[in-house]
Amino acid sequence: MLFLYRFKNTLFLSFLICISCGNSGKKDADSSQVSAEETLLEEPEPIVVAANKTDAYLPLLAGKSVGVVANQTSVIFNENGYTHLVDSLLKLNVDIKKVFSPEHGFRGKADAGEKVDSSTDEETGLPIVSLYGKNRKPSAEQLAGLDVVVFDIQDVGTRFYTYIATLQLIMEACAHSNIPVLVLDRPNPNAHYVDGPTMKKEHTGFLGMNEIPLVYGMSIGEYANMINEESWLEGGRKCDLTVIPLENWTHERIYQIPIRPSPNLPNDVSINLYPSLGLFEGTNVNAGRGTEFQFQRYGASFLDSTAYSFTYVPKPNFGSKYPKEEGKKCYGKDLSNTPRMNEVSLQWILDAYKNTLDKSKFFLTDGFTKHAGTRELQKQIESGLTEREIKASWQPKLEKFKKIRAKYLMYE
């Protein structure tokens, strides 16, 4: 785990410094040791997530009835690993009245798109209000009696990843009920670039509520400020919003998520490929669901078998009870060794479309439009445009968005 690694590394660094101080006379004789120490000293400080900065936000919760929007990633890191935010706040005598859970549920075990019912948390006895299914926005009745709502969920910086939609709906509901919202910021592992097609207003919905690019390059706290200040909340309202910032993080800094943010994003490779391979969600092509390499491969039984040497068979598993192409031999590509991406790549969806024997089987037009945010991308692929030509068409709107984004950046 990254936090523990850096914690141990800090202790090791302190040990090296002590040795150095006690053996200063040996520096000239052993320049390699000095070089190693200098390298360690130059390592950046460990990233501190906002949830760990209890001194900054506990005073805002004291004596108040609190609602928490959380899932399995909502944790406070410590020397033993981590403790869930809800458990930690209860031990700190915070008066939590209820928990609101997003897609995949409070413990993060439900399939993508699977309805999650409201329930009671077995560990704490707290009522859990599901915000996925018919009830995606808390009602005034569900918010009644709360003095503040805390939002703490790990995002992956992709527009159709639904946690940012849940954030916006929470902010809208709280603005309507005059309840402050406290966002505990976390790093976005895809914050180092801005790219992809921009959502068109007529296609906005739960897979993209605002006219933003597929990859928007902001932490969830920065994005919350943008929602609020750009008047994106219903009726142009503003939420009483406070964002507790991260420490020692920049948009360019690599962040390894220690807990999978959802069932089908098991590791850093899948998270980094998700903006590109997530477009397959709007097609009949399997993107690794039903395997242990979700969003690290793609394939389908209807792709040209002569074009691919890699094959696999999707089967029901954790996070995917009914994967596309279940039980069928899929022809495609393994991308599990792909280096870190710095852009949205269309090479794989273009490759799959090119090698689809029956083109009528490829697109799920409505679903693809919701994921792409525009009908143009499907038309461009079908008409045979190159990746370079398609990406050139994105640039005017990307530049416009970057100017808006710049106003809300809290980190380098």
Protein backbone atom coordinates (compact mmCIF):
# COMPACT_ATOMS: atom_id res chain seq x y z
CA MET A 1 0.00 0.00 0.00
CA LEU A 2 1.40 3.38 -1.01
CA PHE A 3 0.78 5.12 2.31
CA LEU A 4 2.52 2.40 4.32
CA TYR A 5 5.35 2.22 1.82
CA ARG A 6 6.03 5.92 2.20
CA PHE A 7 5.62 5.72 5.99
CA LYS A 8 8.25 2.97 6.15
CA ASN A 9 10.41 4.86 3.66
CA THR A 10 10.34 7.92 5.93
CA LEU A 11 11.53 5.83 8.86
CA PHE A 12 14.28 4.37 6.69
CA LEU A 13 15.27 7.87 5.61
CA SER A 14 15.51 9.02 9.24
CA PHE A 15 17.73 6.01 9.98
CA LEU A 16 20.04 6.89 7.09
CA ILE A 17 20.27 10.51 8.24
CA CYS A 18 21.27 9.39 11.74
CA ILE A 19 23.99 7.16 10.29
CA SER A 20 25.16 10.03 8.12
CA CYS A 21 25.43 12.41 11.07
CA GLY A 22 27.42 9.86 13.05
CA ASN A 23 29.82 9.10 10.21
CA SER A 24 30.41 12.49 8.59
CA GLY A 25 34.12 11.79 8.29
CA LYS A 26 33.42 8.98 5.80
CA LYS A 27 31.62 11.17 3.26
CA ASP A 28 34.59 11.82 1.06
CA ALA A 29 35.62 8.17 1.15
CA ASP A 30 32.20 6.88 0.16
CA SER A 31 30.60 9.23 -2.34
CA SER A 32 28.13 6.54 -3.42
CA GLN A 33 26.58 6.53 0.07
CA VAL A 34 26.20 10.31 -0.04
CA SER A 35 24.53 10.07 -3.43
CA ALA A 36 22.03 7.51 -2.14
CA GLU A 37 21.17 9.69 0.86
CA GLU A 38 20.72 12.77 -1.32
CA THR A 39 18.39 10.82 -3.61
CA LEU A 40 16.23 9.79 -0.65
CA LEU A 41 16.22 13.33 0.73
CA GLU A 42 14.83 14.58 -2.58
CA GLU A 43 11.80 12.28 -2.43
CA PRO A 44 8.53 14.23 -2.18
CA GLU A 45 6.58 14.31 1.03
CA PRO A 46 3.85 11.67 1.41
CA ILE A 47 0.45 12.65 0.04
CA VAL A 48 -2.02 13.44 2.81
CA VAL A 49 -5.67 12.89 1.88
CA ALA A 50 -8.16 15.33 3.40
CA ALA A 51 -9.83 12.60 5.47
CA ASN A 52 -6.60 12.31 7.43
CA LYS A 53 -6.66 16.03 8.31
CA THR A 54 -9.12 15.61 11.17
CA ASP A 55 -7.93 18.78 12.91
CA ALA A 56 -9.13 20.76 9.89
CA TYR A 57 -12.68 19.45 9.77
CA LEU A 58 -13.69 18.01 13.15
CA PRO A 59 -14.46 21.51 14.49
CA LEU A 60 -16.93 21.89 11.60
CA LEU A 61 -18.76 18.75 12.75
CA ALA A 62 -18.74 19.32 16.51
CA GLY A 63 -22.21 19.34 18.05
CA LYS A 64 -23.89 18.74 14.68
CA SER A 65 -26.05 16.01 13.20
CA VAL A 66 -24.01 14.63 10.32
CA GLY A 67 -24.76 12.74 7.12
CA VAL A 68 -21.89 11.04 5.29
CA VAL A 69 -21.69 10.17 1.57
CA ALA A 70 -19.23 7.31 1.46
CA ASN A 71 -18.19 3.95 0.07
CA GLN A 72 -15.34 1.50 0.63
CA THR A 73 -12.71 4.10 -0.40
CA SER A 74 -13.72 6.53 2.36
CA VAL A 75 -10.91 5.78 4.78
CA ILE A 76 -8.43 7.40 7.13
CA PHE A 77 -4.94 5.96 6.72
CA ASN A 78 -2.89 4.98 9.77
CA GLU A 79 0.12 2.91 10.76
CA ASN A 80 -1.98 -0.26 10.68
CA GLY A 81 -3.38 0.40 7.21
CA TYR A 82 -6.64 2.30 7.30
CA THR A 83 -9.96 2.66 9.10
CA HIS A 84 -13.23 3.55 7.43
CA LEU A 85 -14.14 7.22 7.79
CA VAL A 86 -17.53 6.41 9.33
CA ASP A 87 -15.97 4.13 11.96
CA SER A 88 -13.30 6.73 12.72
CA LEU A 89 -15.77 9.61 13.09
CA LEU A 90 -18.00 7.57 15.39
CA LYS A 91 -15.00 6.86 17.63
CA LEU A 92 -14.28 10.60 17.62
CA ASN A 93 -17.82 11.18 18.93
CA VAL A 94 -19.14 12.69 15.70
CA ASP A 95 -22.93 12.36 15.67
CA ILE A 96 -23.51 10.54 12.37
CA LYS A 97 -27.21 10.09 11.70
CA LYS A 98 -27.11 8.30 8.35
CA VAL A 99 -24.91 7.24 5.45
CA PHE A 100 -25.63 7.90 1.76
CA SER A 101 -24.17 5.34 -0.64
CA PRO A 102 -23.38 5.79 -4.39
CA GLU A 103 -23.28 3.29 -7.27
CA HIS A 104 -21.86 -0.10 -6.13
CA GLY A 105 -23.12 0.50 -2.59
CA PHE A 106 -21.59 1.48 0.74
CA ARG A 107 -19.20 -1.48 0.78
CA GLY A 108 -18.59 -1.30 -3.01
CA LYS A 109 -19.74 -4.82 -3.93
CA ALA A 110 -22.60 -4.22 -6.39
CA ASP A 111 -22.24 -4.60 -10.17
CA ALA A 112 -22.11 -1.58 -12.46
CA GLY A 113 -25.69 -0.51 -13.04
CA GLU A 114 -27.05 -2.87 -10.38
CA LYS A 115 -29.85 -1.41 -8.26
CA VAL A 116 -28.75 -0.87 -4.67
CA ASP A 117 -31.45 -0.79 -2.01
CA SER A 118 -31.41 1.29 1.14
CA SER A 119 -30.53 -0.78 4.18
CA THR A 120 -28.81 -0.77 7.57
CA ASP A 121 -25.05 -1.09 7.97
CA GLU A 122 -24.34 -4.29 9.89
CA GLU A 123 -21.18 -2.93 11.50
CA THR A 124 -22.50 0.38 12.81
CA GLY A 125 -26.27 0.02 12.78
CA LEU A 126 -26.55 3.25 10.80
CA PRO A 127 -29.26 3.62 8.17
CA ILE A 128 -27.88 3.60 4.63
CA VAL A 129 -29.74 5.62 2.01
CA SER A 130 -28.96 4.35 -1.48
CA LEU A 131 -28.32 7.00 -4.12
CA TYR A 132 -28.27 4.54 -6.98
CA GLY A 133 -31.43 3.25 -8.62
CA LYS A 134 -34.60 5.32 -8.72
CA ASN A 135 -33.39 7.51 -5.84
CA ARG A 136 -30.22 9.20 -7.12
CA LYS A 137 -30.79 12.50 -5.36
CA PRO A 138 -31.63 12.66 -1.65
CA SER A 139 -35.05 14.05 -0.87
CA ALA A 140 -35.75 16.82 1.62
CA GLU A 141 -37.19 14.15 3.92
CA GLN A 142 -33.99 12.09 3.73
CA LEU A 143 -31.93 15.17 4.59
CA ALA A 144 -34.26 16.33 7.37
CA GLY A 145 -32.54 16.77 10.72
CA LEU A 146 -29.02 16.97 9.27
CA ASP A 147 -26.83 19.98 9.95
CA VAL A 148 -24.04 19.09 7.53
CA VAL A 149 -23.25 16.45 4.89
CA VAL A 150 -19.70 15.11 4.44
CA PHE A 151 -18.72 13.79 0.99
CA ASP A 152 -15.64 11.54 0.79
CA ILE A 153 -15.36 9.22 -2.23
CA GLN A 154 -12.37 8.31 -4.41
CA ASP A 155 -12.83 9.48 -8.02
CA VAL A 156 -10.90 8.38 -11.13
CA GLY A 157 -11.35 11.53 -13.21
CA THR A 158 -13.53 10.15 -16.01
CA ARG A 159 -16.82 11.88 -16.85
CA PHE A 160 -18.95 8.75 -17.07
CA TYR A 161 -17.71 7.47 -13.69
CA THR A 162 -20.85 8.24 -11.72
CA TYR A 163 -19.44 9.47 -8.41
CA ILE A 164 -19.17 13.04 -9.68
CA ALA A 165 -22.83 12.93 -10.68
CA THR A 166 -23.69 11.81 -7.15
CA LEU A 167 -21.61 14.71 -5.82
CA GLN A 168 -23.55 17.20 -7.93
CA LEU A 169 -26.93 15.79 -6.90
CA ILE A 170 -25.92 15.89 -3.23
CA MET A 171 -24.89 19.52 -3.63
CA GLU A 172 -28.19 20.35 -5.35
CA ALA A 173 -30.28 18.70 -2.66
CA CYS A 174 -28.30 20.31 0.14
CA ALA A 175 -28.47 23.73 -1.51
CA HIS A 176 -32.25 23.38 -1.70
CA SER A 177 -32.43 22.41 2.00
CA ASN A 178 -29.80 24.95 3.14
CA ILE A 179 -27.47 22.25 4.45
CA PRO A 180 -23.69 22.82 4.16
CA VAL A 181 -21.58 20.27 2.27
CA LEU A 182 -18.06 19.36 3.33
CA VAL A 183 -15.93 17.66 0.64
CA LEU A 184 -12.83 15.78 1.78
CA ASP A 185 -10.53 15.89 -1.21
CA ARG A 186 -8.69 12.90 -2.66
CA PRO A 187 -6.18 12.66 -5.55
CA ASN A 188 -7.42 11.97 -9.05
CA PRO A 189 -5.11 9.36 -10.67
CA ASN A 190 -6.03 10.72 -14.12
CA ALA A 191 -5.58 14.40 -13.26
CA HIS A 192 -2.41 14.82 -15.33
CA TYR A 193 -4.25 15.52 -18.58
CA VAL A 194 -7.45 16.88 -20.14
CA ASP A 195 -8.76 15.10 -23.22
CA GLY A 196 -11.66 13.45 -25.01
CA PRO A 197 -14.94 14.55 -26.54
CA THR A 198 -16.91 17.18 -24.64
CA MET A 199 -20.41 16.37 -23.43
CA LYS A 200 -23.16 18.12 -25.40
CA LYS A 201 -25.94 19.67 -23.38
CA GLU A 202 -28.69 17.61 -25.04
CA HIS A 203 -27.02 14.37 -23.92
CA THR A 204 -26.34 15.26 -20.28
CA GLY A 205 -27.46 12.79 -17.66
CA PHE A 206 -26.07 10.56 -14.92
CA LEU A 207 -23.09 9.60 -17.13
CA GLY A 208 -22.21 13.26 -17.56
CA MET A 209 -24.19 16.10 -16.04
CA ASN A 210 -22.17 19.00 -17.44
CA GLU A 211 -20.49 20.08 -20.67
CA ILE A 212 -17.04 18.83 -19.73
CA PRO A 213 -14.49 16.63 -21.55
CA LEU A 214 -14.29 12.90 -21.01
CA VAL A 215 -11.16 13.45 -18.89
CA TYR A 216 -11.29 16.74 -16.98
CA GLY A 217 -8.03 16.72 -15.00
CA MET A 218 -9.27 17.88 -11.59
CA SER A 219 -9.48 16.53 -8.08
CA ILE A 220 -13.01 15.94 -6.86
CA GLY A 221 -12.66 18.97 -4.56
CA GLU A 222 -11.64 21.21 -7.44
CA TYR A 223 -14.53 19.86 -9.47
CA ALA A 224 -16.97 20.57 -6.63
CA ASN A 225 -15.88 24.21 -6.62
CA MET A 226 -16.37 24.37 -10.38
CA ILE A 227 -19.89 22.96 -10.10
CA ASN A 228 -20.76 25.54 -7.48
CA GLU A 229 -19.21 28.62 -9.03
CA GLU A 230 -20.24 27.92 -12.62
CA SER A 231 -23.91 27.78 -11.54
CA TRP A 232 -24.32 24.17 -12.65
CA LEU A 233 -26.65 23.34 -9.79
CA GLU A 234 -30.35 23.18 -10.51
CA GLY A 235 -31.98 26.59 -10.59
CA GLY A 236 -28.58 28.30 -10.47
CA ARG A 237 -28.43 27.80 -6.71
CA LYS A 238 -25.17 27.77 -4.79
CA CYS A 239 -24.28 25.26 -2.13
CA ASP A 240 -22.67 26.22 1.17
CA LEU A 241 -19.51 24.33 0.20
CA THR A 242 -16.26 23.74 2.04
CA VAL A 243 -13.42 21.71 0.49
CA ILE A 244 -10.71 20.34 2.78
CA PRO A 245 -7.61 20.23 0.54
CA LEU A 246 -4.96 17.58 0.02
CA GLU A 247 -1.36 18.04 1.06
CA ASN A 248 1.73 17.30 -1.04
CA TRP A 249 -0.18 16.39 -4.19
CA THR A 250 0.07 17.86 -7.69
CA HIS A 251 -1.80 17.01 -10.89
CA GLU A 252 1.32 15.43 -12.33
CA ARG A 253 2.12 13.29 -9.32
CA ILE A 254 1.41 9.59 -9.68
CA TYR A 255 -1.08 8.31 -7.12
CA GLN A 256 -1.67 4.60 -6.60
CA ILE A 257 -5.15 3.99 -5.22
CA PRO A 258 -4.82 1.51 -2.31
CA ILE A 259 -8.47 0.35 -2.43
CA ARG A 260 -10.21 -0.52 -5.69
CA PRO A 261 -12.69 2.34 -6.28
CA SER A 262 -15.27 0.01 -7.83
CA PRO A 263 -15.47 -3.74 -8.54
CA ASN A 264 -14.23 -3.52 -12.12
CA LEU A 265 -11.25 -1.21 -11.56
CA PRO A 266 -8.88 -3.57 -9.76
CA ASN A 267 -5.54 -1.78 -10.22
CA ASP A 268 -3.66 1.25 -11.52
CA VAL A 269 -3.47 -0.08 -15.10
CA SER A 270 -7.24 -0.48 -15.34
CA ILE A 271 -7.82 2.98 -13.85
CA ASN A 272 -5.41 4.57 -16.31
CA LEU A 273 -6.96 2.76 -19.29
CA TYR A 274 -10.52 3.33 -18.15
CA PRO A 275 -11.11 6.63 -20.03
CA SER A 276 -10.14 4.94 -23.31
CA LEU A 277 -11.57 1.44 -22.84
CA GLY A 278 -14.66 2.75 -21.06
CA LEU A 279 -15.98 3.78 -24.47
CA PHE A 280 -16.50 0.07 -25.17
CA GLU A 281 -19.31 0.20 -22.60
CA GLY A 282 -21.42 1.72 -25.37
CA THR A 283 -20.69 -1.19 -27.73
CA ASN A 284 -21.19 -4.96 -27.78
CA VAL A 285 -17.44 -5.48 -27.31
CA ASN A 286 -16.32 -6.89 -23.96
CA ALA A 287 -13.75 -4.71 -22.13
CA GLY A 288 -12.54 -7.32 -19.68
CA ARG A 289 -15.61 -7.62 -17.48
CA GLY A 290 -16.01 -11.23 -16.44
CA THR A 291 -12.23 -11.69 -16.17
CA GLU A 292 -9.59 -10.62 -13.64
CA PHE A 293 -8.31 -8.02 -16.13
CA GLN A 294 -11.21 -5.58 -16.30
CA PHE A 295 -10.46 -2.59 -18.55
CA GLN A 296 -7.10 -4.11 -19.45
CA ARG A 297 -8.27 -6.06 -22.50
CA TYR A 298 -11.01 -6.07 -25.09
CA GLY A 299 -12.51 -8.62 -27.43
CA ALA A 300 -15.63 -10.16 -28.89
CA SER A 301 -16.71 -13.33 -30.62
CA PHE A 302 -17.70 -11.30 -33.69
CA LEU A 303 -14.26 -9.77 -34.26
CA ASP A 304 -12.18 -11.22 -37.08
CA SER A 305 -10.35 -14.19 -35.54
CA THR A 306 -7.55 -13.93 -38.10
CA ALA A 307 -6.63 -10.44 -36.87
CA TYR A 308 -5.88 -11.45 -33.27
CA SER A 309 -3.70 -13.98 -31.48
CA PHE A 310 -5.10 -13.15 -28.03
CA THR A 311 -8.32 -14.80 -26.87
CA TYR A 312 -10.28 -15.12 -23.62
CA VAL A 313 -13.70 -16.23 -22.35
CA PRO A 314 -15.68 -13.89 -20.03
CA LYS A 315 -17.39 -15.64 -17.10
CA PRO A 316 -19.53 -14.30 -14.25
CA ASN A 317 -17.40 -13.06 -11.35
CA PHE A 318 -17.17 -10.46 -8.62
CA GLY A 319 -18.54 -7.21 -10.04
CA SER A 320 -19.92 -8.74 -13.24
CA LYS A 321 -22.76 -11.23 -12.91
CA TYR A 322 -23.69 -11.02 -16.59
CA PRO A 323 -20.64 -9.92 -18.64
CA LYS A 324 -20.91 -9.22 -22.34
CA GLU A 325 -20.03 -12.21 -24.50
CA GLU A 326 -20.41 -14.50 -21.47
CA GLY A 327 -19.06 -17.98 -22.20
CA LYS A 328 -17.95 -17.03 -25.71
CA LYS A 329 -14.42 -17.12 -27.08
CA CYS A 330 -13.43 -13.47 -27.57
CA TYR A 331 -10.78 -12.37 -30.06
CA GLY A 332 -9.00 -9.18 -29.11
CA LYS A 333 -6.00 -7.61 -27.39
CA ASP A 334 -4.33 -7.80 -23.99
CA LEU A 335 -3.36 -4.31 -22.75
CA SER A 336 -2.28 -5.21 -19.21
CA ASN A 337 1.31 -4.07 -19.84
CA THR A 338 0.35 -0.69 -21.32
CA PRO A 339 2.51 2.21 -20.01
CA ARG A 340 0.85 5.12 -18.23
CA MET A 341 -1.50 6.96 -20.56
CA ASN A 342 -1.37 10.75 -21.00
CA GLU A 343 -4.33 11.01 -23.37
CA VAL A 344 -7.55 9.34 -24.40
CA SER A 345 -6.66 6.76 -27.02
CA LEU A 346 -9.04 5.81 -29.80
CA GLN A 347 -6.68 3.27 -31.37
CA TRP A 348 -8.39 0.28 -29.71
CA ILE A 349 -11.99 1.14 -30.50
CA LEU A 350 -10.99 2.00 -34.08
CA ASP A 351 -9.14 -1.32 -34.30
CA ALA A 352 -12.13 -3.26 -32.97
CA TYR A 353 -14.57 -1.54 -35.33
CA LYS A 354 -12.28 -2.16 -38.30
CA ASN A 355 -12.12 -5.86 -37.44
CA THR A 356 -15.84 -6.32 -36.76
CA LEU A 357 -17.17 -8.66 -39.40
CA ASP A 358 -20.75 -7.39 -39.08
CA LYS A 359 -20.62 -3.66 -38.35
CA SER A 360 -24.29 -3.63 -37.35
CA LYS A 361 -23.35 -5.60 -34.22
CA PHE A 362 -20.82 -3.07 -32.94
CA PHE A 363 -22.50 0.03 -31.49
CA LEU A 364 -25.21 0.33 -28.86
CA THR A 365 -26.00 3.78 -30.18
CA ASP A 366 -27.87 5.24 -27.21
CA GLY A 367 -25.36 3.89 -24.70
CA PHE A 368 -22.39 4.97 -26.80
CA THR A 369 -23.77 8.50 -27.09
CA LYS A 370 -24.18 8.71 -23.31
CA HIS A 371 -20.60 7.60 -22.77
CA ALA A 372 -19.06 9.72 -25.53
CA GLY A 373 -21.31 12.68 -24.75
CA THR A 374 -21.95 13.29 -28.42
CA ARG A 375 -23.33 11.46 -31.47
CA GLU A 376 -20.45 12.73 -33.59
CA LEU A 377 -17.89 10.23 -32.33
CA GLN A 378 -19.85 7.23 -33.55
CA LYS A 379 -20.39 8.91 -36.92
CA GLN A 380 -16.69 9.72 -37.18
CA ILE A 381 -15.69 6.12 -36.45
CA GLU A 382 -18.23 4.74 -38.91
CA SER A 383 -17.07 7.13 -41.63
CA GLY A 384 -13.48 5.95 -41.33
CA LEU A 385 -11.84 9.06 -39.91
CA THR A 386 -8.40 8.55 -38.36
CA GLU A 387 -7.67 9.04 -34.69
CA ARG A 388 -5.74 12.20 -35.53
CA GLU A 389 -8.66 13.65 -37.49
CA ILE A 390 -11.15 12.83 -34.74
CA LYS A 391 -9.00 14.25 -31.97
CA ALA A 392 -8.43 17.45 -33.93
CA SER A 393 -12.19 18.03 -33.83
CA TRP A 394 -12.10 17.99 -30.01
CA GLN A 395 -9.56 20.77 -29.61
CA PRO A 396 -11.71 23.96 -29.69
CA LYS A 397 -13.94 22.76 -26.86
CA LEU A 398 -10.98 21.38 -24.90
CA GLU A 399 -9.27 24.77 -25.01
CA LYS A 400 -12.47 26.48 -23.89
CA PHE A 401 -12.81 24.07 -20.96
CA LYS A 402 -9.18 24.47 -19.90
CA LYS A 403 -9.73 28.21 -19.45
CA ILE A 404 -12.69 27.54 -17.15
CA ARG A 405 -10.83 24.78 -15.31
CA ALA A 406 -7.86 27.04 -14.59
CA LYS A 407 -10.00 29.19 -12.28
CA TYR A 408 -10.59 26.30 -9.90
CA LEU A 409 -7.26 24.52 -9.67
CA MET A 410 -6.09 24.23 -6.07
CA TYR A 411 -2.86 22.35 -6.82
CA GLU A 412 0.00 22.68 -9.29
